[in-house]
């Protein structure tokens, strides 16, 4: 089993910044990739950014240049630095960890961008 603990999101003004973190613990023998997804009511969960075990990154087009995904030195923690936040970034953000034969999701954290 793998446990994922996400940091709290919050309320941020447009143009502001917020950093999310997600720490994986348990049977994390071989993490293939970690990433962040988001979901708003009535819509499917969408990819925000991913980072592979080799530190290759991938971003959804609307966040390129504003969001940065990274991993901690122990490689079991993933961060999402979000800058220049927009109201359309408002969503529940989920951490995802992919192992060789399984996938785990965090509990989700609300990020609200509003003045």
C-alpha atoms as a PDB file:
ATOM      1  CA  UNK A   1       0.000   0.000   0.000  1.00  0.00           C
ATOM      2  CA  UNK A   2       1.019   3.559  -0.674  1.00  0.00           C
ATOM      3  CA  UNK A   3      -0.143   6.586   1.238  1.00  0.00           C
ATOM      4  CA  UNK A   4      -0.137  10.028  -0.318  1.00  0.00           C
ATOM      5  CA  UNK A   5      -0.349  13.106   1.842  1.00  0.00           C
ATOM      6  CA  UNK A   6      -1.075  16.349   0.072  1.00  0.00           C
ATOM      7  CA  UNK A   7      -0.562  19.807   1.453  1.00  0.00           C
ATOM      8  CA  UNK A   8      -3.508  22.099   1.884  1.00  0.00           C
ATOM      9  CA  UNK A   9      -4.546  24.289  -0.997  1.00  0.00           C
ATOM     10  CA  UNK A  10      -6.217  27.554  -0.317  1.00  0.00           C
ATOM     11  CA  UNK A  11      -7.674  30.792  -1.547  1.00  0.00           C
ATOM     12  CA  UNK A  12      -5.355  32.899  -3.684  1.00  0.00           C
ATOM     13  CA  UNK A  13      -5.910  36.145  -5.501  1.00  0.00           C
ATOM     14  CA  UNK A  14      -5.499  36.234  -9.263  1.00  0.00           C
ATOM     15  CA  UNK A  15      -1.848  36.667 -10.124  1.00  0.00           C
ATOM     16  CA  UNK A  16      -0.786  35.063  -6.885  1.00  0.00           C
ATOM     17  CA  UNK A  17       1.261  31.972  -6.180  1.00  0.00           C
ATOM     18  CA  UNK A  18       0.788  28.740  -4.293  1.00  0.00           C
ATOM     19  CA  UNK A  19       2.886  25.618  -3.851  1.00  0.00           C
ATOM     20  CA  UNK A  20       1.382  22.176  -3.399  1.00  0.00           C
ATOM     21  CA  UNK A  21       3.278  19.185  -2.109  1.00  0.00           C
ATOM     22  CA  UNK A  22       2.544  15.483  -2.041  1.00  0.00           C
ATOM     23  CA  UNK A  23       4.559  12.974  -0.032  1.00  0.00           C
ATOM     24  CA  UNK A  24       4.374   9.264  -0.788  1.00  0.00           C
ATOM     25  CA  UNK A  25       5.084   6.639   1.847  1.00  0.00           C
ATOM     26  CA  UNK A  26       4.670   2.896   2.201  1.00  0.00           C
ATOM     27  CA  UNK A  27       5.525   0.388  -0.498  1.00  0.00           C
ATOM     28  CA  UNK A  28       7.152   2.845  -2.864  1.00  0.00           C
ATOM     29  CA  UNK A  29       9.697   0.461  -4.257  1.00  0.00           C
ATOM     30  CA  UNK A  30       9.673   1.811  -7.747  1.00  0.00           C
ATOM     31  CA  UNK A  31       7.982   5.061  -8.582  1.00  0.00           C
ATOM     32  CA  UNK A  32       7.641   5.428 -12.324  1.00  0.00           C
ATOM     33  CA  UNK A  33       6.101   8.876 -12.288  1.00  0.00           C
ATOM     34  CA  UNK A  34       4.342  11.392 -10.100  1.00  0.00           C
ATOM     35  CA  UNK A  35       1.963  14.076 -11.160  1.00  0.00           C
ATOM     36  CA  UNK A  36      -0.815  16.512 -10.499  1.00  0.00           C
ATOM     37  CA  UNK A  37      -4.300  16.469 -11.932  1.00  0.00           C
ATOM     38  CA  UNK A  38      -7.265  18.733 -11.318  1.00  0.00           C
ATOM     39  CA  UNK A  39     -11.012  18.522 -11.524  1.00  0.00           C
ATOM     40  CA  UNK A  40     -13.880  20.950 -11.454  1.00  0.00           C
ATOM     41  CA  UNK A  41     -17.506  19.932 -10.875  1.00  0.00           C
ATOM     42  CA  UNK A  42     -19.123  18.480 -13.954  1.00  0.00           C
ATOM     43  CA  UNK A  43     -15.851  17.944 -15.798  1.00  0.00           C
ATOM     44  CA  UNK A  44     -13.408  15.111 -16.137  1.00  0.00           C
ATOM     45  CA  UNK A  45     -10.203  15.097 -14.174  1.00  0.00           C
ATOM     46  CA  UNK A  46      -7.431  16.552 -16.313  1.00  0.00           C
ATOM     47  CA  UNK A  47      -3.677  16.352 -16.288  1.00  0.00           C
ATOM     48  CA  UNK A  48      -1.824  19.389 -15.010  1.00  0.00           C
ATOM     49  CA  UNK A  49       1.772  18.204 -14.910  1.00  0.00           C
ATOM     50  CA  UNK A  50       3.789  15.018 -14.542  1.00  0.00           C
ATOM     51  CA  UNK A  51       7.382  14.169 -13.767  1.00  0.00           C
ATOM     52  CA  UNK A  52       9.017  10.842 -14.479  1.00  0.00           C
ATOM     53  CA  UNK A  53      11.590   8.930 -12.477  1.00  0.00           C
ATOM     54  CA  UNK A  54      14.147  10.394 -14.839  1.00  0.00           C
ATOM     55  CA  UNK A  55      12.829  13.904 -14.128  1.00  0.00           C
ATOM     56  CA  UNK A  56      11.244  14.388 -17.534  1.00  0.00           C
ATOM     57  CA  UNK A  57       8.314  16.763 -17.212  1.00  0.00           C
ATOM     58  CA  UNK A  58       5.079  17.256 -19.080  1.00  0.00           C
ATOM     59  CA  UNK A  59       2.603  20.119 -18.727  1.00  0.00           C
ATOM     60  CA  UNK A  60      -0.912  20.853 -19.841  1.00  0.00           C
ATOM     61  CA  UNK A  61      -0.776  23.710 -22.330  1.00  0.00           C
ATOM     62  CA  UNK A  62      -2.663  26.237 -20.215  1.00  0.00           C
ATOM     63  CA  UNK A  63      -0.176  25.994 -17.332  1.00  0.00           C
ATOM     64  CA  UNK A  64       3.062  26.024 -19.315  1.00  0.00           C
ATOM     65  CA  UNK A  65       5.283  28.857 -18.187  1.00  0.00           C
ATOM     66  CA  UNK A  66       3.246  29.368 -15.008  1.00  0.00           C
ATOM     67  CA  UNK A  67       3.449  26.039 -13.162  1.00  0.00           C
ATOM     68  CA  UNK A  68       6.554  24.046 -12.311  1.00  0.00           C
ATOM     69  CA  UNK A  69       6.584  20.440 -11.156  1.00  0.00           C
ATOM     70  CA  UNK A  70       9.566  19.077  -9.272  1.00  0.00           C
ATOM     71  CA  UNK A  71      10.556  16.272  -6.924  1.00  0.00           C
ATOM     72  CA  UNK A  72      12.330  16.350  -3.608  1.00  0.00           C
ATOM     73  CA  UNK A  73      15.765  14.867  -3.038  1.00  0.00           C
ATOM     74  CA  UNK A  74      14.269  11.651  -1.683  1.00  0.00           C
ATOM     75  CA  UNK A  75      12.237  11.338  -4.896  1.00  0.00           C
ATOM     76  CA  UNK A  76       9.083  10.401  -2.983  1.00  0.00           C
ATOM     77  CA  UNK A  77       7.754  13.935  -2.760  1.00  0.00           C
ATOM     78  CA  UNK A  78       6.397  15.956  -5.641  1.00  0.00           C
ATOM     79  CA  UNK A  79       5.804  19.687  -5.675  1.00  0.00           C
ATOM     80  CA  UNK A  80       3.708  21.918  -7.882  1.00  0.00           C
ATOM     81  CA  UNK A  81       4.711  25.553  -7.851  1.00  0.00           C
ATOM     82  CA  UNK A  82       1.861  27.594  -9.280  1.00  0.00           C
ATOM     83  CA  UNK A  83       2.512  31.185 -10.280  1.00  0.00           C
ATOM     84  CA  UNK A  84       0.387  33.786 -12.037  1.00  0.00           C
ATOM     85  CA  UNK A  85      -2.728  31.964 -10.958  1.00  0.00           C
ATOM     86  CA  UNK A  86      -5.943  32.600 -12.830  1.00  0.00           C
ATOM     87  CA  UNK A  87      -9.567  32.078 -11.794  1.00  0.00           C
ATOM     88  CA  UNK A  88      -9.761  29.226 -14.298  1.00  0.00           C
ATOM     89  CA  UNK A  89      -7.124  27.376 -12.257  1.00  0.00           C
ATOM     90  CA  UNK A  90      -9.737  26.923  -9.541  1.00  0.00           C
ATOM     91  CA  UNK A  91     -10.216  23.207  -8.997  1.00  0.00           C
ATOM     92  CA  UNK A  92      -9.560  20.290  -6.705  1.00  0.00           C
ATOM     93  CA  UNK A  93      -5.966  19.227  -7.284  1.00  0.00           C
ATOM     94  CA  UNK A  94      -5.026  15.563  -6.960  1.00  0.00           C
ATOM     95  CA  UNK A  95      -1.605  13.999  -6.626  1.00  0.00           C
ATOM     96  CA  UNK A  96      -1.023  10.774  -8.558  1.00  0.00           C
ATOM     97  CA  UNK A  97       1.788   8.316  -8.068  1.00  0.00           C
ATOM     98  CA  UNK A  98       2.412   5.609 -10.631  1.00  0.00           C
ATOM     99  CA  UNK A  99       4.328   2.489  -9.641  1.00  0.00           C
ATOM    100  CA  UNK A 100       5.223  -0.367 -11.973  1.00  0.00           C
ATOM    101  CA  UNK A 101       1.923  -2.191 -11.468  1.00  0.00           C
ATOM    102  CA  UNK A 102      -0.353   0.222  -9.668  1.00  0.00           C
ATOM    103  CA  UNK A 103      -1.551   3.782  -9.406  1.00  0.00           C
ATOM    104  CA  UNK A 104      -2.387   5.761  -6.301  1.00  0.00           C
ATOM    105  CA  UNK A 105      -4.267   9.019  -5.852  1.00  0.00           C
ATOM    106  CA  UNK A 106      -4.177  11.579  -3.098  1.00  0.00           C
ATOM    107  CA  UNK A 107      -7.295  12.808  -1.366  1.00  0.00           C
ATOM    108  CA  UNK A 108      -7.412  16.060  -3.289  1.00  0.00           C
ATOM    109  CA  UNK A 109      -6.973  19.629  -2.172  1.00  0.00           C
ATOM    110  CA  UNK A 110      -9.043  22.645  -3.122  1.00  0.00           C
ATOM    111  CA  UNK A 111      -7.378  25.567  -4.835  1.00  0.00           C
ATOM    112  CA  UNK A 112      -9.542  28.638  -5.333  1.00  0.00           C
ATOM    113  CA  UNK A 113      -8.343  31.650  -7.285  1.00  0.00           C
ATOM    114  CA  UNK A 114     -10.565  34.607  -6.635  1.00  0.00           C
ATOM    115  CA  UNK A 115     -10.446  38.227  -5.606  1.00  0.00           C
END
